[in-house]
Amino acid sequence: MERALQITSRDFQLTDAMRATIEQHAEALEGYYDRLTGCHVVIEAPVHHHRHGGPFSVRLDLRAPQAELVITKQHADDLAIAIREAFDAARRRLEDHERELRGDVKHHSGQ
């Protein structure tokens, strides 16, 4: 990536282990799509996280040639699952973006 990975946590302290997990997912995403130029991960916890757990909100802002992609995922209780699902969704969106760049996407004409 041209820019360093950015990780922001809101309303809670992100553990070093979770930070390392995010870095691993970002590296895997970059390995899958080598034209990725930037990734910003924003994780928000509910105000009462310390008593009730999730839902966590995970947002990925990705930069690639000719596109800025935003992925938002939530999961009820488990932060690790929310992160994994967000990066899985990001991979699918990058696949779609690559197909569009190659011209493999059919465009339906209006009736």
N, C-alpha and C. Protein backbone atom coordinates (compact mmCIF):
# COMPACT_ATOMS: atom_id res chain seq x y z
N MET A 1 0.84 -1.18 0.00
CA MET A 1 0.00 0.00 0.00
C MET A 1 0.88 1.24 0.00
N GLU A 2 0.43 2.23 -0.70
CA GLU A 2 1.16 3.49 -0.72
C GLU A 2 1.10 4.18 0.64
N ARG A 3 -0.04 4.08 1.29
CA ARG A 3 -0.22 4.68 2.61
C ARG A 3 -0.22 3.58 3.66
N ALA A 4 0.25 3.94 4.83
CA ALA A 4 0.26 2.97 5.94
C ALA A 4 -1.17 2.67 6.38
N LEU A 5 -1.38 1.47 6.85
CA LEU A 5 -2.67 1.08 7.40
C LEU A 5 -3.01 1.98 8.58
N GLN A 6 -4.26 2.48 8.61
CA GLN A 6 -4.73 3.28 9.73
C GLN A 6 -5.80 2.49 10.48
N ILE A 7 -5.69 2.46 11.79
CA ILE A 7 -6.68 1.77 12.63
C ILE A 7 -7.17 2.74 13.68
N THR A 8 -8.48 2.95 13.74
CA THR A 8 -9.09 3.85 14.71
C THR A 8 -10.13 3.09 15.49
N SER A 9 -10.08 3.19 16.82
CA SER A 9 -11.12 2.59 17.65
C SER A 9 -11.82 3.72 18.40
N ARG A 10 -13.13 3.63 18.45
CA ARG A 10 -13.93 4.65 19.12
C ARG A 10 -14.71 4.02 20.27
N ASP A 11 -14.70 4.67 21.39
CA ASP A 11 -15.46 4.28 22.58
C ASP A 11 -14.92 3.04 23.28
N PHE A 12 -13.73 2.57 22.92
CA PHE A 12 -13.10 1.47 23.65
C PHE A 12 -11.63 1.38 23.26
N GLN A 13 -10.86 0.70 24.07
CA GLN A 13 -9.43 0.51 23.83
C GLN A 13 -9.24 -0.79 23.05
N LEU A 14 -8.61 -0.72 21.91
CA LEU A 14 -8.34 -1.89 21.08
C LEU A 14 -7.10 -2.61 21.61
N THR A 15 -7.20 -3.91 21.80
CA THR A 15 -6.06 -4.67 22.32
C THR A 15 -4.99 -4.84 21.24
N ASP A 16 -3.77 -5.12 21.68
CA ASP A 16 -2.68 -5.37 20.74
C ASP A 16 -2.98 -6.59 19.87
N ALA A 17 -3.61 -7.60 20.45
CA ALA A 17 -3.95 -8.81 19.70
C ALA A 17 -4.96 -8.50 18.59
N MET A 18 -5.95 -7.69 18.89
CA MET A 18 -6.95 -7.32 17.88
C MET A 18 -6.32 -6.45 16.81
N ARG A 19 -5.42 -5.56 17.22
CA ARG A 19 -4.69 -4.72 16.26
C ARG A 19 -3.87 -5.61 15.31
N ALA A 20 -3.23 -6.64 15.86
CA ALA A 20 -2.44 -7.57 15.03
C ALA A 20 -3.34 -8.35 14.07
N THR A 21 -4.53 -8.72 14.54
CA THR A 21 -5.49 -9.43 13.68
C THR A 21 -5.89 -8.55 12.50
N ILE A 22 -6.17 -7.28 12.77
CA ILE A 22 -6.54 -6.35 11.71
C ILE A 22 -5.39 -6.21 10.71
N GLU A 23 -4.17 -6.10 11.21
CA GLU A 23 -3.01 -5.97 10.33
C GLU A 23 -2.85 -7.21 9.44
N GLN A 24 -3.11 -8.39 10.00
CA GLN A 24 -3.02 -9.63 9.21
C GLN A 24 -4.08 -9.65 8.11
N HIS A 25 -5.30 -9.25 8.45
CA HIS A 25 -6.37 -9.20 7.44
C HIS A 25 -6.03 -8.20 6.34
N ALA A 26 -5.48 -7.05 6.72
CA ALA A 26 -5.13 -6.03 5.73
C ALA A 26 -4.01 -6.53 4.81
N GLU A 27 -3.02 -7.21 5.38
CA GLU A 27 -1.94 -7.77 4.56
C GLU A 27 -2.48 -8.82 3.59
N ALA A 28 -3.40 -9.65 4.05
CA ALA A 28 -4.00 -10.66 3.18
C ALA A 28 -4.79 -10.00 2.06
N LEU A 29 -5.50 -8.92 2.39
CA LEU A 29 -6.27 -8.20 1.38
C LEU A 29 -5.34 -7.58 0.34
N GLU A 30 -4.24 -7.02 0.81
CA GLU A 30 -3.27 -6.44 -0.11
C GLU A 30 -2.62 -7.53 -0.96
N GLY A 31 -2.39 -8.71 -0.39
CA GLY A 31 -1.85 -9.83 -1.15
C GLY A 31 -2.82 -10.29 -2.22
N TYR A 32 -4.11 -10.19 -1.92
CA TYR A 32 -5.12 -10.57 -2.89
C TYR A 32 -5.26 -9.53 -4.00
N TYR A 33 -5.22 -8.26 -3.62
CA TYR A 33 -5.42 -7.16 -4.58
C TYR A 33 -4.24 -6.20 -4.41
N ASP A 34 -3.20 -6.39 -5.20
CA ASP A 34 -1.95 -5.67 -5.00
C ASP A 34 -2.00 -4.20 -5.40
N ARG A 35 -3.08 -3.77 -6.02
CA ARG A 35 -3.20 -2.35 -6.39
C ARG A 35 -3.88 -1.51 -5.33
N LEU A 36 -4.13 -2.08 -4.18
CA LEU A 36 -4.71 -1.36 -3.06
C LEU A 36 -3.72 -0.29 -2.60
N THR A 37 -4.18 0.96 -2.50
CA THR A 37 -3.27 2.04 -2.14
C THR A 37 -3.45 2.55 -0.72
N GLY A 38 -4.56 2.21 -0.07
CA GLY A 38 -4.78 2.67 1.29
C GLY A 38 -5.92 1.93 1.96
N CYS A 39 -5.84 1.83 3.29
CA CYS A 39 -6.88 1.15 4.07
C CYS A 39 -6.97 1.83 5.43
N HIS A 40 -8.18 2.26 5.78
CA HIS A 40 -8.45 2.85 7.08
C HIS A 40 -9.56 2.02 7.73
N VAL A 41 -9.28 1.47 8.89
CA VAL A 41 -10.23 0.64 9.62
C VAL A 41 -10.74 1.45 10.82
N VAL A 42 -12.06 1.58 10.92
CA VAL A 42 -12.67 2.29 12.04
C VAL A 42 -13.60 1.31 12.76
N ILE A 43 -13.36 1.13 14.05
CA ILE A 43 -14.16 0.21 14.84
C ILE A 43 -14.82 1.00 15.96
N GLU A 44 -16.13 0.85 16.06
CA GLU A 44 -16.88 1.53 17.11
C GLU A 44 -17.57 0.50 17.98
N ALA A 45 -17.57 0.75 19.27
CA ALA A 45 -18.29 -0.09 20.22
C ALA A 45 -19.45 0.72 20.78
N PRO A 46 -20.50 0.05 21.22
CA PRO A 46 -21.60 0.78 21.85
C PRO A 46 -21.12 1.43 23.14
N VAL A 47 -21.84 2.40 23.59
CA VAL A 47 -21.46 3.14 24.80
C VAL A 47 -21.34 2.22 26.00
N HIS A 48 -22.19 1.21 26.10
CA HIS A 48 -22.19 0.32 27.26
C HIS A 48 -21.46 -0.98 26.98
N HIS A 49 -20.43 -0.94 26.15
CA HIS A 49 -19.68 -2.13 25.75
C HIS A 49 -19.17 -2.92 26.94
N HIS A 50 -18.67 -2.24 27.96
CA HIS A 50 -18.07 -2.94 29.10
C HIS A 50 -19.07 -3.79 29.87
N ARG A 51 -20.36 -3.54 29.70
CA ARG A 51 -21.36 -4.33 30.41
C ARG A 51 -22.08 -5.33 29.51
N HIS A 52 -22.27 -4.98 28.27
CA HIS A 52 -23.16 -5.77 27.42
C HIS A 52 -22.50 -6.41 26.21
N GLY A 53 -21.26 -6.10 25.88
CA GLY A 53 -20.68 -6.61 24.64
C GLY A 53 -21.16 -5.81 23.45
N GLY A 54 -21.14 -6.38 22.26
CA GLY A 54 -21.46 -5.72 20.99
C GLY A 54 -22.76 -4.95 21.03
N PRO A 55 -23.29 -4.52 19.92
CA PRO A 55 -22.77 -4.79 18.58
C PRO A 55 -21.63 -3.85 18.22
N PHE A 56 -20.64 -4.41 17.58
CA PHE A 56 -19.52 -3.61 17.09
C PHE A 56 -19.81 -3.19 15.67
N SER A 57 -19.35 -2.02 15.32
CA SER A 57 -19.45 -1.53 13.95
C SER A 57 -18.04 -1.46 13.39
N VAL A 58 -17.81 -2.11 12.25
CA VAL A 58 -16.50 -2.09 11.60
C VAL A 58 -16.67 -1.47 10.23
N ARG A 59 -15.89 -0.44 9.97
CA ARG A 59 -15.94 0.25 8.69
C ARG A 59 -14.56 0.21 8.07
N LEU A 60 -14.50 -0.13 6.80
CA LEU A 60 -13.25 -0.12 6.05
C LEU A 60 -13.36 0.90 4.94
N ASP A 61 -12.42 1.81 4.88
CA ASP A 61 -12.31 2.75 3.77
C ASP A 61 -11.10 2.34 2.96
N LEU A 62 -11.35 1.85 1.75
CA LEU A 62 -10.28 1.35 0.89
C LEU A 62 -10.07 2.28 -0.28
N ARG A 63 -8.83 2.44 -0.65
CA ARG A 63 -8.49 3.22 -1.84
C ARG A 63 -7.80 2.31 -2.83
N ALA A 64 -8.29 2.37 -4.06
CA ALA A 64 -7.73 1.60 -5.15
C ALA A 64 -7.77 2.49 -6.40
N PRO A 65 -7.07 2.10 -7.45
CA PRO A 65 -7.13 2.92 -8.66
C PRO A 65 -8.57 3.09 -9.13
N GLN A 66 -8.94 4.30 -9.39
CA GLN A 66 -10.25 4.67 -9.91
C GLN A 66 -11.40 4.35 -8.96
N ALA A 67 -11.12 4.16 -7.66
CA ALA A 67 -12.22 3.86 -6.74
C ALA A 67 -11.84 4.12 -5.30
N GLU A 68 -12.85 4.50 -4.55
CA GLU A 68 -12.78 4.52 -3.10
C GLU A 68 -13.96 3.68 -2.64
N LEU A 69 -13.65 2.60 -1.93
CA LEU A 69 -14.68 1.66 -1.51
C LEU A 69 -14.89 1.76 0.00
N VAL A 70 -16.15 1.73 0.42
CA VAL A 70 -16.48 1.79 1.84
C VAL A 70 -17.28 0.54 2.18
N ILE A 71 -16.82 -0.17 3.20
CA ILE A 71 -17.48 -1.38 3.65
C ILE A 71 -17.85 -1.20 5.11
N THR A 72 -19.10 -1.43 5.46
CA THR A 72 -19.56 -1.33 6.84
C THR A 72 -20.23 -2.63 7.22
N LYS A 73 -19.78 -3.24 8.30
CA LYS A 73 -20.35 -4.49 8.78
C LYS A 73 -20.57 -4.39 10.28
N GLN A 74 -21.56 -5.11 10.79
CA GLN A 74 -21.80 -5.18 12.22
C GLN A 74 -22.02 -6.62 12.63
N HIS A 75 -21.68 -6.92 13.85
CA HIS A 75 -22.00 -8.22 14.42
C HIS A 75 -22.39 -8.00 15.87
N ALA A 76 -23.28 -8.81 16.37
CA ALA A 76 -23.88 -8.57 17.68
C ALA A 76 -22.89 -8.53 18.83
N ASP A 77 -22.00 -9.52 18.95
CA ASP A 77 -21.20 -9.57 20.16
C ASP A 77 -19.70 -9.71 19.94
N ASP A 78 -19.28 -10.36 18.90
CA ASP A 78 -17.89 -10.76 18.75
C ASP A 78 -17.14 -9.85 17.79
N LEU A 79 -16.17 -9.12 18.31
CA LEU A 79 -15.39 -8.19 17.50
C LEU A 79 -14.59 -8.92 16.43
N ALA A 80 -14.00 -10.06 16.76
CA ALA A 80 -13.19 -10.81 15.79
C ALA A 80 -14.03 -11.23 14.58
N ILE A 81 -15.26 -11.64 14.83
CA ILE A 81 -16.14 -12.04 13.72
C ILE A 81 -16.52 -10.83 12.88
N ALA A 82 -16.81 -9.71 13.53
CA ALA A 82 -17.16 -8.49 12.80
C ALA A 82 -16.00 -8.05 11.90
N ILE A 83 -14.78 -8.14 12.40
CA ILE A 83 -13.61 -7.78 11.61
C ILE A 83 -13.45 -8.72 10.42
N ARG A 84 -13.56 -10.03 10.69
CA ARG A 84 -13.42 -11.01 9.60
C ARG A 84 -14.47 -10.78 8.53
N GLU A 85 -15.73 -10.56 8.94
CA GLU A 85 -16.80 -10.35 7.97
C GLU A 85 -16.58 -9.07 7.15
N ALA A 86 -16.07 -8.03 7.78
CA ALA A 86 -15.80 -6.79 7.07
C ALA A 86 -14.72 -7.00 6.01
N PHE A 87 -13.65 -7.70 6.36
CA PHE A 87 -12.59 -7.94 5.38
C PHE A 87 -13.04 -8.92 4.29
N ASP A 88 -13.89 -9.88 4.62
CA ASP A 88 -14.46 -10.77 3.59
C ASP A 88 -15.30 -9.96 2.60
N ALA A 89 -16.10 -9.05 3.13
CA ALA A 89 -16.91 -8.19 2.27
C ALA A 89 -16.02 -7.29 1.41
N ALA A 90 -14.91 -6.82 1.98
CA ALA A 90 -13.97 -5.98 1.23
C ALA A 90 -13.37 -6.76 0.07
N ARG A 91 -13.01 -8.01 0.32
CA ARG A 91 -12.44 -8.83 -0.75
C ARG A 91 -13.44 -8.99 -1.89
N ARG A 92 -14.71 -9.24 -1.55
CA ARG A 92 -15.74 -9.38 -2.59
C ARG A 92 -15.93 -8.09 -3.36
N ARG A 93 -15.91 -6.95 -2.65
CA ARG A 93 -16.06 -5.66 -3.34
C ARG A 93 -14.89 -5.39 -4.26
N LEU A 94 -13.68 -5.78 -3.84
CA LEU A 94 -12.51 -5.61 -4.70
C LEU A 94 -12.59 -6.52 -5.93
N GLU A 95 -13.13 -7.73 -5.76
CA GLU A 95 -13.35 -8.61 -6.90
C GLU A 95 -14.30 -7.96 -7.90
N ASP A 96 -15.39 -7.38 -7.40
CA ASP A 96 -16.35 -6.69 -8.27
C ASP A 96 -15.68 -5.52 -8.97
N HIS A 97 -14.90 -4.75 -8.25
CA HIS A 97 -14.19 -3.60 -8.82
C HIS A 97 -13.26 -4.04 -9.94
N GLU A 98 -12.54 -5.12 -9.71
CA GLU A 98 -11.61 -5.61 -10.72
C GLU A 98 -12.36 -6.07 -11.97
N ARG A 99 -13.50 -6.74 -11.80
CA ARG A 99 -14.31 -7.15 -12.95
C ARG A 99 -14.79 -5.94 -13.74
N GLU A 100 -15.18 -4.88 -13.04
CA GLU A 100 -15.63 -3.66 -13.72
C GLU A 100 -14.49 -3.04 -14.52
N LEU A 101 -13.30 -3.02 -13.94
CA LEU A 101 -12.15 -2.44 -14.65
C LEU A 101 -11.82 -3.25 -15.91
N ARG A 102 -11.99 -4.56 -15.84
CA ARG A 102 -11.71 -5.42 -17.00
C ARG A 102 -12.83 -5.36 -18.03
N GLY A 103 -13.99 -4.84 -17.65
CA GLY A 103 -15.13 -4.79 -18.55
C GLY A 103 -15.92 -6.08 -18.58
N ASP A 104 -15.78 -6.91 -17.55
CA ASP A 104 -16.49 -8.18 -17.48
C ASP A 104 -17.92 -8.05 -16.94
N VAL A 105 -18.34 -6.85 -16.59
CA VAL A 105 -19.66 -6.64 -16.01
C VAL A 105 -20.62 -6.27 -17.13
N LYS A 106 -21.75 -6.98 -17.18
CA LYS A 106 -22.76 -6.68 -18.19
C LYS A 106 -23.55 -5.46 -17.77
N HIS A 107 -23.82 -4.61 -18.71
CA HIS A 107 -24.65 -3.43 -18.46
C HIS A 107 -25.97 -3.62 -19.19
N HIS A 108 -27.06 -3.61 -18.47
CA HIS A 108 -28.37 -3.81 -19.06
C HIS A 108 -28.88 -2.49 -19.61
N SER A 109 -29.40 -2.53 -20.81
CA SER A 109 -29.94 -1.32 -21.41
C SER A 109 -31.34 -1.05 -20.86
N GLY A 110 -31.69 0.22 -20.77
CA GLY A 110 -33.02 0.59 -20.26
C GLY A 110 -34.10 0.20 -21.24
N GLN A 111 -35.31 -0.02 -20.75
CA GLN A 111 -36.40 -0.44 -21.62
C GLN A 111 -37.22 0.72 -22.07
